Amino acid sequence: MEAREATATGESCMRVDAIAKVTGRARYTDDYVMAGMCYAKYVRSPIAHGYAVSINDEQARSLPGVLAIFTWEDVPEIPFATAGHAWTLDENKRDTADRALLTRHVRHHGDAVAIVVARDELTAEKAAQLVSIEWQELPVITSPEAAAGRRRCTNP
């Protein structure tokens, strides 16, 4: 195969969506509303490392418009790839499968532990705030120095 010289490097090119973006006319996924559409909001961990010991979603479920609440108990803990990494069937290349949809064992602040589904966005947000979780906090490593020399320096 013969090598070709690249011709676009260093040259300006017009993006097909540039005008729509800079004028505010571009449409994003969040801009679309469909009849009967539901809204979902995550319930996220306020701690950096630990376990969700128990969850109480009674107040959230009692709000009119709440359709369902799913927790780590409702979905399988199957890791998937994030950040644009492609999924593979090759077991040797599954290192990018680093996240589960919902998890009881949180490994960073903001890990998702539950999802609230409601008829409108405000109800989903309010219900997510009403979900109460009891946490068992575990030690955290907050600096490269503290991590140095440890057998495992990443989250499993």
N, C-alpha and C. Protein backbone atom coordinates (compact mmCIF):
# COMPACT_ATOMS: atom_id res chain seq x y z
N MET A 1 0.85 -1.18 0.00
CA MET A 1 0.00 0.00 0.00
C MET A 1 0.89 1.24 0.00
N GLU A 2 0.57 2.18 -0.83
CA GLU A 2 1.36 3.39 -0.97
C GLU A 2 0.89 4.46 0.01
N ALA A 3 1.84 5.10 0.67
CA ALA A 3 1.50 6.16 1.62
C ALA A 3 1.02 7.39 0.87
N ARG A 4 0.00 8.05 1.43
CA ARG A 4 -0.51 9.28 0.82
C ARG A 4 -0.19 10.46 1.72
N GLU A 5 0.01 11.58 1.12
CA GLU A 5 0.26 12.79 1.91
C GLU A 5 -1.08 13.39 2.32
N ALA A 6 -1.21 13.71 3.59
CA ALA A 6 -2.44 14.31 4.09
C ALA A 6 -2.59 15.71 3.51
N THR A 7 -3.81 16.07 3.14
CA THR A 7 -4.02 17.38 2.53
C THR A 7 -4.81 18.35 3.42
N ALA A 8 -5.48 17.86 4.45
CA ALA A 8 -6.33 18.73 5.26
C ALA A 8 -5.60 19.30 6.47
N THR A 9 -4.48 18.72 6.85
CA THR A 9 -3.78 19.19 8.04
C THR A 9 -3.33 20.63 7.85
N GLY A 10 -3.65 21.47 8.83
CA GLY A 10 -3.25 22.86 8.79
C GLY A 10 -4.16 23.75 7.97
N GLU A 11 -5.20 23.20 7.38
CA GLU A 11 -6.13 23.98 6.58
C GLU A 11 -7.45 24.15 7.32
N SER A 12 -8.10 25.27 7.08
CA SER A 12 -9.43 25.49 7.66
C SER A 12 -10.45 24.68 6.88
N CYS A 13 -11.46 24.23 7.58
CA CYS A 13 -12.56 23.55 6.89
C CYS A 13 -13.86 24.00 7.55
N MET A 14 -14.89 24.15 6.75
CA MET A 14 -16.18 24.61 7.24
C MET A 14 -16.95 23.43 7.82
N ARG A 15 -17.34 23.53 9.08
CA ARG A 15 -18.16 22.49 9.70
C ARG A 15 -19.60 22.67 9.22
N VAL A 16 -20.26 21.57 8.93
CA VAL A 16 -21.64 21.67 8.43
C VAL A 16 -22.60 22.20 9.50
N ASP A 17 -22.24 22.08 10.78
CA ASP A 17 -23.13 22.53 11.85
C ASP A 17 -22.66 23.82 12.52
N ALA A 18 -21.64 24.46 11.97
CA ALA A 18 -21.06 25.64 12.62
C ALA A 18 -22.06 26.78 12.77
N ILE A 19 -22.75 27.12 11.72
CA ILE A 19 -23.69 28.25 11.76
C ILE A 19 -24.81 27.98 12.76
N ALA A 20 -25.36 26.78 12.72
CA ALA A 20 -26.44 26.43 13.65
C ALA A 20 -25.96 26.52 15.10
N LYS A 21 -24.74 26.10 15.37
CA LYS A 21 -24.23 26.14 16.74
C LYS A 21 -24.00 27.57 17.22
N VAL A 22 -23.35 28.39 16.42
CA VAL A 22 -23.02 29.74 16.89
C VAL A 22 -24.23 30.67 16.92
N THR A 23 -25.29 30.31 16.20
CA THR A 23 -26.50 31.14 16.23
C THR A 23 -27.55 30.62 17.20
N GLY A 24 -27.25 29.47 17.85
CA GLY A 24 -28.19 28.92 18.82
C GLY A 24 -29.32 28.12 18.21
N ARG A 25 -29.25 27.84 16.91
CA ARG A 25 -30.31 27.07 16.26
C ARG A 25 -30.04 25.56 16.26
N ALA A 26 -28.85 25.15 16.67
CA ALA A 26 -28.53 23.71 16.70
C ALA A 26 -29.44 23.02 17.70
N ARG A 27 -29.85 21.80 17.38
CA ARG A 27 -30.71 21.03 18.29
C ARG A 27 -29.91 19.88 18.85
N TYR A 28 -30.01 19.72 20.17
CA TYR A 28 -29.31 18.66 20.88
C TYR A 28 -30.36 17.68 21.42
N THR A 29 -29.90 16.53 21.87
CA THR A 29 -30.81 15.50 22.37
C THR A 29 -31.77 16.06 23.41
N ASP A 30 -31.28 16.89 24.30
CA ASP A 30 -32.09 17.45 25.38
C ASP A 30 -33.18 18.40 24.86
N ASP A 31 -33.06 18.86 23.62
CA ASP A 31 -34.03 19.79 23.05
C ASP A 31 -35.29 19.11 22.54
N TYR A 32 -35.26 17.80 22.38
CA TYR A 32 -36.40 17.08 21.81
C TYR A 32 -37.37 16.63 22.90
N VAL A 33 -38.64 16.90 22.68
CA VAL A 33 -39.70 16.46 23.58
C VAL A 33 -40.70 15.67 22.75
N MET A 34 -41.04 14.48 23.24
CA MET A 34 -41.98 13.62 22.52
C MET A 34 -43.18 13.32 23.41
N ALA A 35 -44.31 13.09 22.81
CA ALA A 35 -45.52 12.77 23.57
C ALA A 35 -45.29 11.51 24.41
N GLY A 36 -45.68 11.57 25.68
CA GLY A 36 -45.55 10.41 26.56
C GLY A 36 -44.14 10.18 27.08
N MET A 37 -43.25 11.10 26.82
CA MET A 37 -41.86 10.93 27.23
C MET A 37 -41.75 10.94 28.76
N CYS A 38 -40.88 10.10 29.29
CA CYS A 38 -40.60 10.06 30.72
C CYS A 38 -39.23 10.68 30.97
N TYR A 39 -38.96 11.03 32.21
CA TYR A 39 -37.70 11.64 32.59
C TYR A 39 -37.05 10.81 33.69
N ALA A 40 -35.75 10.73 33.66
CA ALA A 40 -35.02 9.97 34.67
C ALA A 40 -33.95 10.84 35.31
N LYS A 41 -33.75 10.65 36.60
CA LYS A 41 -32.70 11.34 37.34
C LYS A 41 -31.97 10.32 38.19
N TYR A 42 -30.65 10.42 38.20
CA TYR A 42 -29.84 9.54 39.04
C TYR A 42 -29.87 10.01 40.49
N VAL A 43 -29.76 9.06 41.40
CA VAL A 43 -29.47 9.34 42.81
C VAL A 43 -28.00 8.99 42.94
N ARG A 44 -27.19 9.95 43.35
CA ARG A 44 -25.73 9.77 43.34
C ARG A 44 -25.14 9.78 44.75
N SER A 45 -24.00 9.14 44.86
CA SER A 45 -23.31 9.02 46.14
C SER A 45 -22.72 10.37 46.58
N PRO A 46 -22.93 10.74 47.85
CA PRO A 46 -22.29 11.93 48.39
C PRO A 46 -20.92 11.63 49.00
N ILE A 47 -20.51 10.35 48.98
CA ILE A 47 -19.23 9.95 49.59
C ILE A 47 -18.29 9.43 48.51
N ALA A 48 -17.01 9.43 48.81
CA ALA A 48 -16.00 9.02 47.84
C ALA A 48 -15.78 7.51 47.78
N HIS A 49 -16.03 6.81 48.89
CA HIS A 49 -15.80 5.36 48.90
C HIS A 49 -16.63 4.74 50.01
N GLY A 50 -17.36 3.69 49.68
CA GLY A 50 -18.15 3.01 50.70
C GLY A 50 -19.24 2.15 50.11
N TYR A 51 -20.15 1.74 50.98
CA TYR A 51 -21.26 0.88 50.59
C TYR A 51 -22.58 1.52 50.99
N ALA A 52 -23.57 1.36 50.13
CA ALA A 52 -24.93 1.73 50.50
C ALA A 52 -25.46 0.59 51.35
N VAL A 53 -25.74 0.86 52.62
CA VAL A 53 -26.20 -0.16 53.56
C VAL A 53 -27.69 -0.40 53.38
N SER A 54 -28.45 0.69 53.27
CA SER A 54 -29.90 0.56 53.08
C SER A 54 -30.39 1.77 52.30
N ILE A 55 -31.55 1.59 51.70
CA ILE A 55 -32.15 2.68 50.92
C ILE A 55 -33.62 2.78 51.28
N ASN A 56 -34.10 4.00 51.43
CA ASN A 56 -35.52 4.23 51.72
C ASN A 56 -36.05 5.17 50.63
N ASP A 57 -36.94 4.63 49.80
CA ASP A 57 -37.48 5.44 48.71
C ASP A 57 -39.00 5.66 48.85
N GLU A 58 -39.54 5.43 50.05
CA GLU A 58 -40.99 5.55 50.26
C GLU A 58 -41.51 6.95 49.95
N GLN A 59 -40.82 7.98 50.45
CA GLN A 59 -41.26 9.36 50.20
C GLN A 59 -41.23 9.67 48.71
N ALA A 60 -40.17 9.23 48.05
CA ALA A 60 -40.04 9.48 46.61
C ALA A 60 -41.14 8.78 45.83
N ARG A 61 -41.42 7.53 46.17
CA ARG A 61 -42.46 6.76 45.46
C ARG A 61 -43.85 7.35 45.67
N SER A 62 -44.05 8.07 46.77
CA SER A 62 -45.38 8.62 47.07
C SER A 62 -45.69 9.88 46.26
N LEU A 63 -44.70 10.47 45.61
CA LEU A 63 -44.96 11.68 44.82
C LEU A 63 -45.79 11.34 43.59
N PRO A 64 -46.84 12.10 43.32
CA PRO A 64 -47.61 11.88 42.08
C PRO A 64 -46.70 12.10 40.87
N GLY A 65 -46.78 11.20 39.92
CA GLY A 65 -45.96 11.31 38.71
C GLY A 65 -44.73 10.44 38.71
N VAL A 66 -44.36 9.88 39.86
CA VAL A 66 -43.21 8.97 39.91
C VAL A 66 -43.68 7.62 39.36
N LEU A 67 -42.98 7.12 38.35
CA LEU A 67 -43.37 5.87 37.70
C LEU A 67 -42.59 4.67 38.22
N ALA A 68 -41.32 4.88 38.53
CA ALA A 68 -40.49 3.76 39.00
C ALA A 68 -39.22 4.29 39.65
N ILE A 69 -38.66 3.47 40.53
CA ILE A 69 -37.35 3.75 41.11
C ILE A 69 -36.57 2.45 41.04
N PHE A 70 -35.40 2.51 40.43
CA PHE A 70 -34.53 1.35 40.29
C PHE A 70 -33.28 1.57 41.12
N THR A 71 -32.82 0.52 41.81
CA THR A 71 -31.59 0.60 42.59
C THR A 71 -30.61 -0.46 42.09
N TRP A 72 -29.44 -0.52 42.75
CA TRP A 72 -28.44 -1.53 42.40
C TRP A 72 -29.01 -2.94 42.51
N GLU A 73 -30.06 -3.12 43.31
CA GLU A 73 -30.66 -4.45 43.47
C GLU A 73 -31.49 -4.86 42.26
N ASP A 74 -31.89 -3.89 41.45
CA ASP A 74 -32.78 -4.16 40.32
C ASP A 74 -32.06 -4.41 39.00
N VAL A 75 -30.81 -4.04 38.91
CA VAL A 75 -30.08 -4.20 37.65
C VAL A 75 -28.83 -5.04 37.89
N PRO A 76 -28.44 -5.85 36.92
CA PRO A 76 -27.23 -6.65 37.10
C PRO A 76 -25.99 -5.75 37.12
N GLU A 77 -25.01 -6.11 37.92
CA GLU A 77 -23.78 -5.32 37.98
C GLU A 77 -22.82 -5.82 36.90
N ILE A 78 -23.16 -5.46 35.68
CA ILE A 78 -22.34 -5.81 34.53
C ILE A 78 -21.59 -4.55 34.10
N PRO A 79 -20.27 -4.55 34.17
CA PRO A 79 -19.54 -3.35 33.78
C PRO A 79 -19.64 -3.08 32.29
N PHE A 80 -19.60 -1.80 31.94
CA PHE A 80 -19.62 -1.42 30.53
C PHE A 80 -18.57 -0.35 30.30
N ALA A 81 -18.24 -0.15 29.04
CA ALA A 81 -17.22 0.82 28.67
C ALA A 81 -17.83 2.22 28.61
N THR A 82 -17.06 3.21 29.04
CA THR A 82 -17.50 4.60 28.99
C THR A 82 -16.52 5.40 28.14
N ALA A 83 -16.77 6.67 28.03
CA ALA A 83 -15.86 7.61 27.36
C ALA A 83 -15.57 7.22 25.91
N GLY A 84 -16.57 6.68 25.24
CA GLY A 84 -16.41 6.38 23.82
C GLY A 84 -15.65 5.12 23.50
N HIS A 85 -15.30 4.33 24.51
CA HIS A 85 -14.59 3.08 24.25
C HIS A 85 -15.57 2.07 23.65
N ALA A 86 -15.12 1.39 22.63
CA ALA A 86 -15.97 0.39 21.99
C ALA A 86 -16.06 -0.86 22.87
N TRP A 87 -17.19 -1.55 22.81
CA TRP A 87 -17.36 -2.80 23.54
C TRP A 87 -16.71 -3.91 22.74
N THR A 88 -16.13 -4.87 23.45
CA THR A 88 -15.47 -5.99 22.79
C THR A 88 -15.85 -7.30 23.46
N LEU A 89 -15.83 -8.36 22.69
CA LEU A 89 -16.06 -9.69 23.24
C LEU A 89 -14.75 -10.32 23.71
N ASP A 90 -13.63 -9.69 23.39
CA ASP A 90 -12.32 -10.18 23.77
C ASP A 90 -12.07 -9.88 25.25
N GLU A 91 -12.02 -10.93 26.08
CA GLU A 91 -11.82 -10.77 27.53
C GLU A 91 -10.53 -10.01 27.86
N ASN A 92 -9.51 -10.11 27.01
CA ASN A 92 -8.23 -9.45 27.26
C ASN A 92 -8.29 -7.94 27.04
N LYS A 93 -9.35 -7.46 26.42
CA LYS A 93 -9.44 -6.03 26.13
C LYS A 93 -10.61 -5.37 26.84
N ARG A 94 -11.07 -5.98 27.92
CA ARG A 94 -12.22 -5.44 28.64
C ARG A 94 -11.82 -4.47 29.75
N ASP A 95 -10.59 -4.02 29.76
CA ASP A 95 -10.16 -3.09 30.81
C ASP A 95 -10.91 -1.77 30.74
N THR A 96 -11.49 -1.46 29.59
CA THR A 96 -12.25 -0.22 29.49
C THR A 96 -13.66 -0.35 30.06
N ALA A 97 -14.08 -1.57 30.37
CA ALA A 97 -15.39 -1.79 30.99
C ALA A 97 -15.24 -1.49 32.47
N ASP A 98 -15.39 -0.22 32.82
CA ASP A 98 -15.03 0.24 34.16
C ASP A 98 -16.20 0.80 34.97
N ARG A 99 -17.41 0.61 34.49
CA ARG A 99 -18.54 1.21 35.21
C ARG A 99 -19.77 0.32 35.11
N ALA A 100 -20.51 0.25 36.20
CA ALA A 100 -21.80 -0.44 36.21
C ALA A 100 -22.89 0.63 36.18
N LEU A 101 -24.06 0.28 35.67
CA LEU A 101 -25.16 1.24 35.60
C LEU A 101 -25.49 1.80 36.98
N LEU A 102 -25.69 0.91 37.94
CA LEU A 102 -25.93 1.29 39.33
C LEU A 102 -25.09 0.38 40.21
N THR A 103 -24.61 0.91 41.33
CA THR A 103 -23.75 0.09 42.17
C THR A 103 -24.00 0.37 43.65
N ARG A 104 -23.84 -0.66 44.46
CA ARG A 104 -23.94 -0.53 45.91
C ARG A 104 -22.59 -0.11 46.49
N HIS A 105 -21.51 -0.56 45.85
CA HIS A 105 -20.15 -0.23 46.29
C HIS A 105 -19.69 0.99 45.49
N VAL A 106 -19.76 2.15 46.11
CA VAL A 106 -19.38 3.38 45.42
C VAL A 106 -17.88 3.60 45.56
N ARG A 107 -17.28 4.08 44.48
CA ARG A 107 -15.83 4.26 44.44
C ARG A 107 -15.41 5.70 44.20
N HIS A 108 -16.39 6.56 43.99
CA HIS A 108 -16.10 7.99 43.89
C HIS A 108 -17.37 8.79 44.14
N HIS A 109 -17.19 10.02 44.55
CA HIS A 109 -18.31 10.93 44.78
C HIS A 109 -19.09 11.04 43.48
N GLY A 110 -20.38 10.81 43.54
CA GLY A 110 -21.20 10.93 42.34
C GLY A 110 -21.53 9.61 41.67
N ASP A 111 -21.02 8.48 42.18
CA ASP A 111 -21.40 7.17 41.63
C ASP A 111 -22.92 7.03 41.70
N ALA A 112 -23.52 6.48 40.67
CA ALA A 112 -24.98 6.31 40.62
C ALA A 112 -25.40 5.07 41.39
N VAL A 113 -26.37 5.23 42.30
CA VAL A 113 -26.87 4.11 43.09
C VAL A 113 -28.35 3.82 42.83
N ALA A 114 -29.06 4.78 42.25
CA ALA A 114 -30.48 4.58 41.93
C ALA A 114 -30.87 5.51 40.78
N ILE A 115 -31.99 5.17 40.15
CA ILE A 115 -32.55 6.00 39.08
C ILE A 115 -34.04 6.16 39.37
N VAL A 116 -34.50 7.40 39.33
CA VAL A 116 -35.91 7.71 39.49
C VAL A 116 -36.49 8.04 38.12
N VAL A 117 -37.62 7.44 37.79
CA VAL A 117 -38.30 7.71 36.52
C VAL A 117 -39.65 8.36 36.83
N ALA A 118 -39.92 9.49 36.16
CA ALA A 118 -41.17 10.22 36.43
C ALA A 118 -41.75 10.79 35.14
N ARG A 119 -42.95 11.30 35.24
CA ARG A 119 -43.65 11.86 34.07
C ARG A 119 -43.08 13.21 33.64
N ASP A 120 -42.43 13.92 34.56
CA ASP A 120 -41.83 15.21 34.20
C ASP A 120 -40.50 15.36 34.93
N GLU A 121 -39.69 16.26 34.42
CA GLU A 121 -38.32 16.42 34.93
C GLU A 121 -38.28 16.93 36.37
N LEU A 122 -39.16 17.86 36.71
CA LEU A 122 -39.15 18.41 38.07
C LEU A 122 -39.53 17.35 39.10
N THR A 123 -40.50 16.50 38.77
CA THR A 123 -40.89 15.43 39.70
C THR A 123 -39.75 14.43 39.86
N ALA A 124 -39.07 14.10 38.76
CA ALA A 124 -37.94 13.17 38.83
C ALA A 124 -36.84 13.74 39.73
N GLU A 125 -36.56 15.03 39.58
CA GLU A 125 -35.53 15.68 40.39
C GLU A 125 -35.92 15.70 41.87
N LYS A 126 -37.15 16.08 42.15
CA LYS A 126 -37.63 16.14 43.54
C LYS A 126 -37.60 14.75 44.18
N ALA A 127 -38.06 13.74 43.45
CA ALA A 127 -38.08 12.37 43.97
C ALA A 127 -36.66 11.87 44.23
N ALA A 128 -35.74 12.18 43.35
CA ALA A 128 -34.34 11.76 43.55
C ALA A 128 -33.78 12.36 44.84
N GLN A 129 -34.16 13.59 45.14
CA GLN A 129 -33.71 14.24 46.37
C GLN A 129 -34.33 13.61 47.62
N LEU A 130 -35.49 12.97 47.47
CA LEU A 130 -36.18 12.37 48.61
C LEU A 130 -35.72 10.95 48.93
N VAL A 131 -34.92 10.36 48.05
CA VAL A 131 -34.40 9.01 48.32
C VAL A 131 -33.35 9.13 49.41
N SER A 132 -33.51 8.34 50.46
CA SER A 132 -32.60 8.38 51.61
C SER A 132 -31.75 7.11 51.64
N ILE A 133 -30.45 7.30 51.79
CA ILE A 133 -29.53 6.15 51.79
C ILE A 133 -28.64 6.21 53.03
N GLU A 134 -28.50 5.06 53.69
CA GLU A 134 -27.57 4.93 54.82
C GLU A 134 -26.25 4.41 54.24
N TRP A 135 -25.15 5.07 54.59
CA TRP A 135 -23.84 4.74 54.02
C TRP A 135 -22.89 4.16 55.05
N GLN A 136 -22.06 3.23 54.60
CA GLN A 136 -20.91 2.76 55.38
C GLN A 136 -19.69 3.30 54.64
N GLU A 137 -19.05 4.30 55.23
CA GLU A 137 -17.90 4.92 54.56
C GLU A 137 -16.66 4.07 54.73
N LEU A 138 -15.84 4.03 53.69
CA LEU A 138 -14.56 3.33 53.69
C LEU A 138 -13.45 4.34 53.49
N PRO A 139 -12.20 3.96 53.82
CA PRO A 139 -11.09 4.90 53.65
C PRO A 139 -10.92 5.31 52.19
N VAL A 140 -10.42 6.53 52.00
CA VAL A 140 -10.15 7.03 50.65
C VAL A 140 -8.69 7.42 50.53
N ILE A 141 -8.19 7.36 49.33
CA ILE A 141 -6.83 7.81 49.02
C ILE A 141 -6.99 9.12 48.27
N THR A 142 -6.39 10.18 48.80
CA THR A 142 -6.62 11.50 48.22
C THR A 142 -5.39 12.15 47.61
N SER A 143 -4.28 11.41 47.55
CA SER A 143 -3.09 12.00 46.95
C SER A 143 -2.24 10.91 46.29
N PRO A 144 -1.43 11.29 45.32
CA PRO A 144 -0.53 10.32 44.69
C PRO A 144 0.46 9.74 45.70
N GLU A 145 0.86 10.55 46.67
CA GLU A 145 1.81 10.08 47.68
C GLU A 145 1.20 8.96 48.52
N ALA A 146 -0.06 9.11 48.88
CA ALA A 146 -0.73 8.07 49.67
C ALA A 146 -0.93 6.79 48.87
N ALA A 147 -1.06 6.93 47.56
CA ALA A 147 -1.28 5.76 46.70
C ALA A 147 0.03 5.05 46.35
N ALA A 148 1.14 5.76 46.44
CA ALA A 148 2.43 5.18 46.06
C ALA A 148 2.75 3.95 46.90
N GLY A 149 3.18 2.90 46.23
CA GLY A 149 3.58 1.69 46.92
C GLY A 149 2.44 0.75 47.26
N ARG A 150 1.21 1.14 46.99
CA ARG A 150 0.08 0.26 47.27
C ARG A 150 0.00 -0.83 46.20
N ARG A 151 -0.50 -1.98 46.60
CA ARG A 151 -0.65 -3.09 45.66
C ARG A 151 -1.63 -2.73 44.55
N ARG A 152 -2.73 -2.09 44.90
CA ARG A 152 -3.72 -1.69 43.91
C ARG A 152 -3.95 -0.20 44.05
N CYS A 153 -3.77 0.52 42.96
CA CYS A 153 -3.92 1.97 43.00
C CYS A 153 -5.15 2.45 42.25
N THR A 154 -5.90 1.53 41.68
CA THR A 154 -7.11 1.93 40.97
C THR A 154 -8.31 1.26 41.60
N ASN A 155 -9.47 1.78 41.30
CA ASN A 155 -10.70 1.18 41.82
C ASN A 155 -11.02 -0.09 41.05
N PRO A 156 -11.40 -1.15 41.76
CA PRO A 156 -11.78 -2.37 41.05
C PRO A 156 -13.12 -2.18 40.36
